[in-house]
């Protein structure tokens, strides 16, 4: 599917210094902020979910994570083909939506965790969620950098990195808060 993604060009007068288009950058980074915040608040707790709900040891979970990492690497290699065949408008929302549905399905296994099938469903959802969530990253980055134009790419890339790092900081604060709450009772 051929998509025309216009690169926004900012006309510059050679006598004036380049001005950053903050409105455009902020508008472009809102989806990244939402995705990063969601990831930062879920990913650190997935191993705890498997340990507390399904009694999976850290060694077993490491094996599942290694398999998930291989699937993420394979999915990353498939991103250009998927983008070429279905385009940004379908690929990004579809992969993100399926990843969120997998996360929700994984979380609902707590309701029937007494059955052995629950663990297998949770593992399958985890192994499906990881590559799906990571597939949208390269497409989103490319789309955002094309959207903001050549003159705003460096600052946008730096802010994207800061947002992702910040999401992990926020999750760290939540982890400390919940651990403090759990041990203080």
Protein backbone atom coordinates (compact mmCIF):
# COMPACT_ATOMS: atom_id res chain seq x y z
CA UNK A 1 0.00 0.00 0.00
CA UNK A 2 1.55 3.26 -1.08
CA UNK A 3 1.17 6.01 1.48
CA UNK A 4 2.15 9.57 0.94
CA UNK A 5 3.72 10.84 4.12
CA UNK A 6 4.69 14.40 3.51
CA UNK A 7 7.82 15.56 5.15
CA UNK A 8 7.06 18.89 6.70
CA UNK A 9 9.52 21.43 5.47
CA UNK A 10 10.03 24.59 7.39
CA UNK A 11 11.19 27.42 5.22
CA UNK A 12 14.16 29.19 6.64
CA UNK A 13 15.50 32.56 5.97
CA UNK A 14 19.28 32.27 5.95
CA UNK A 15 19.49 35.45 8.00
CA UNK A 16 17.40 34.04 10.83
CA UNK A 17 18.32 31.27 13.19
CA UNK A 18 16.37 27.98 12.91
CA UNK A 19 13.42 27.90 15.28
CA UNK A 20 12.12 24.65 16.69
CA UNK A 21 8.45 23.99 16.00
CA UNK A 22 7.48 23.00 19.55
CA UNK A 23 3.77 22.78 18.82
CA UNK A 24 4.39 20.22 16.08
CA UNK A 25 6.87 18.24 18.21
CA UNK A 26 4.56 18.07 21.23
CA UNK A 27 1.66 17.01 19.04
CA UNK A 28 3.82 14.26 17.50
CA UNK A 29 5.10 12.98 20.87
CA UNK A 30 1.72 12.57 22.61
CA UNK A 31 1.19 9.00 21.31
CA UNK A 32 4.75 8.06 22.32
CA UNK A 33 4.11 9.45 25.80
CA UNK A 34 0.93 7.40 26.17
CA UNK A 35 2.56 4.18 24.94
CA UNK A 36 5.69 4.68 27.06
CA UNK A 37 3.69 5.40 30.20
CA UNK A 38 1.62 2.26 29.68
CA UNK A 39 4.72 0.16 29.06
CA UNK A 40 6.51 1.64 32.04
CA UNK A 41 3.60 0.80 34.32
CA UNK A 42 3.16 -2.79 33.10
CA UNK A 43 6.44 -4.33 31.97
CA UNK A 44 8.25 -4.25 35.36
CA UNK A 45 5.30 -6.02 36.97
CA UNK A 46 4.79 -8.86 34.49
CA UNK A 47 7.38 -11.08 36.18
CA UNK A 48 5.68 -10.42 39.54
CA UNK A 49 2.35 -11.38 37.99
CA UNK A 50 3.71 -14.73 36.82
CA UNK A 51 5.37 -15.35 40.19
CA UNK A 52 2.44 -14.45 42.43
CA UNK A 53 -0.50 -15.64 40.30
CA UNK A 54 0.92 -18.64 38.44
CA UNK A 55 3.80 -19.60 40.78
CA UNK A 56 6.39 -19.33 37.98
CA UNK A 57 9.97 -19.20 39.25
CA UNK A 58 12.34 -16.50 38.07
CA UNK A 59 14.31 -19.11 36.12
CA UNK A 60 11.21 -20.26 34.25
CA UNK A 61 10.16 -16.68 33.56
CA UNK A 62 13.66 -15.94 32.23
CA UNK A 63 13.19 -18.77 29.73
CA UNK A 64 9.86 -17.31 28.60
CA UNK A 65 11.46 -13.87 28.32
CA UNK A 66 14.30 -15.26 26.22
CA UNK A 67 11.77 -16.85 23.85
CA UNK A 68 9.85 -13.57 23.75
CA UNK A 69 13.08 -11.72 22.90
CA UNK A 70 13.68 -14.03 19.94
CA UNK A 71 10.11 -13.41 18.77
CA UNK A 72 10.65 -9.64 19.15
CA UNK A 73 13.81 -9.84 17.01
CA UNK A 74 11.99 -11.82 14.32
CA UNK A 75 9.01 -9.43 14.41
CA UNK A 76 11.36 -6.44 14.09
CA UNK A 77 12.71 -7.94 10.88
CA UNK A 78 9.16 -8.27 9.57
CA UNK A 79 8.23 -4.61 10.22
CA UNK A 80 9.33 -3.25 6.80
CA UNK A 81 7.34 -5.92 4.96
CA UNK A 82 4.24 -5.35 7.08
CA UNK A 83 4.51 -1.57 6.67
CA UNK A 84 4.91 -1.96 2.93
CA UNK A 85 1.88 -4.24 2.57
CA UNK A 86 -0.64 -2.60 4.91
CA UNK A 87 0.78 0.87 5.64
CA UNK A 88 1.13 2.90 8.82
CA UNK A 89 -2.59 3.54 9.28
CA UNK A 90 -3.35 -0.17 9.69
CA UNK A 91 -0.07 -1.59 10.99
CA UNK A 92 0.46 0.67 14.01
CA UNK A 93 -3.06 0.60 15.52
CA UNK A 94 -3.49 -3.11 14.77
CA UNK A 95 -0.25 -4.22 16.42
CA UNK A 96 -0.83 -1.96 19.43
CA UNK A 97 -4.47 -3.05 19.84
CA UNK A 98 -3.63 -6.74 19.59
CA UNK A 99 -0.82 -6.25 22.11
CA UNK A 100 -3.17 -4.55 24.58
CA UNK A 101 -5.79 -7.27 24.09
CA UNK A 102 -3.10 -9.89 24.76
CA UNK A 103 -2.13 -8.07 27.95
CA UNK A 104 -5.76 -7.95 29.10
CA UNK A 105 -6.25 -11.63 28.27
CA UNK A 106 -3.09 -12.45 30.20
CA UNK A 107 -4.32 -10.47 33.21
CA UNK A 108 -7.69 -12.25 33.21
CA UNK A 109 -5.95 -15.60 33.74
CA UNK A 110 -5.81 -14.60 37.40
CA UNK A 111 -9.56 -15.22 37.57
CA UNK A 112 -9.12 -18.90 36.75
CA UNK A 113 -5.52 -19.46 37.86
CA UNK A 114 -6.52 -22.58 39.80
CA UNK A 115 -6.79 -24.43 36.45
CA UNK A 116 -3.59 -25.57 34.77
CA UNK A 117 -4.71 -24.15 31.41
CA UNK A 118 -4.46 -20.63 32.84
CA UNK A 119 -0.67 -20.74 32.91
CA UNK A 120 -0.48 -21.85 29.28
CA UNK A 121 -2.87 -19.09 28.21
CA UNK A 122 -0.88 -16.51 30.19
CA UNK A 123 2.39 -17.64 28.59
CA UNK A 124 0.85 -17.60 25.10
CA UNK A 125 -0.51 -14.09 25.68
CA UNK A 126 2.87 -12.92 26.99
CA UNK A 127 4.71 -14.41 23.99
CA UNK A 128 2.22 -12.77 21.64
CA UNK A 129 2.19 -9.40 23.39
CA UNK A 130 5.94 -8.83 23.39
CA UNK A 131 6.56 -8.85 19.61
CA UNK A 132 3.30 -7.07 18.83
CA UNK A 133 4.04 -4.21 21.19
CA UNK A 134 7.59 -3.87 19.92
CA UNK A 135 6.64 -3.95 16.23
CA UNK A 136 4.95 -0.57 16.38
CA UNK A 137 8.06 1.15 17.76
CA UNK A 138 10.08 1.42 14.55
CA UNK A 139 7.02 2.36 12.51
CA UNK A 140 5.95 5.01 15.01
CA UNK A 141 9.45 6.46 15.18
CA UNK A 142 9.74 6.69 11.41
CA UNK A 143 6.30 8.25 11.12
CA UNK A 144 6.98 10.82 13.86
CA UNK A 145 10.36 11.82 12.43
CA UNK A 146 8.86 12.28 8.97
CA UNK A 147 5.98 14.26 10.47
CA UNK A 148 8.15 16.76 12.34
CA UNK A 149 10.48 17.33 9.38
CA UNK A 150 14.25 17.49 9.00
CA UNK A 151 14.75 20.55 11.17
CA UNK A 152 13.04 19.04 14.23
CA UNK A 153 14.30 15.45 14.06
CA UNK A 154 17.18 15.71 16.50
CA UNK A 155 15.18 17.29 19.31
CA UNK A 156 12.28 14.92 18.66
CA UNK A 157 14.57 11.90 18.85
CA UNK A 158 16.12 13.17 22.08
CA UNK A 159 12.70 13.83 23.62
CA UNK A 160 11.47 10.38 22.56
CA UNK A 161 14.42 8.81 24.40
CA UNK A 162 13.72 10.96 27.45
CA UNK A 163 10.05 9.95 27.44
CA UNK A 164 10.94 6.24 27.35
CA UNK A 165 13.52 6.65 30.12
CA UNK A 166 11.06 8.69 32.13
CA UNK A 167 8.44 5.96 31.86
CA UNK A 168 10.81 3.56 33.62
CA UNK A 169 11.50 6.16 36.33
CA UNK A 170 7.75 6.57 36.90
CA UNK A 171 7.31 2.80 37.13
CA UNK A 172 10.18 2.66 39.63
CA UNK A 173 8.42 5.18 41.84
CA UNK A 174 5.19 3.16 41.61
CA UNK A 175 7.06 -0.03 42.50
CA UNK A 176 8.58 1.62 45.57
CA UNK A 177 5.17 3.00 46.53
CA UNK A 178 3.44 -0.39 46.25
CA UNK A 179 6.24 -2.24 48.04
CA UNK A 180 6.15 0.33 50.83
CA UNK A 181 2.37 -0.05 51.01
CA UNK A 182 2.59 -3.87 51.08
CA UNK A 183 5.24 -4.06 53.78
CA UNK A 184 3.79 -1.32 55.97
CA UNK A 185 0.51 -3.21 56.51
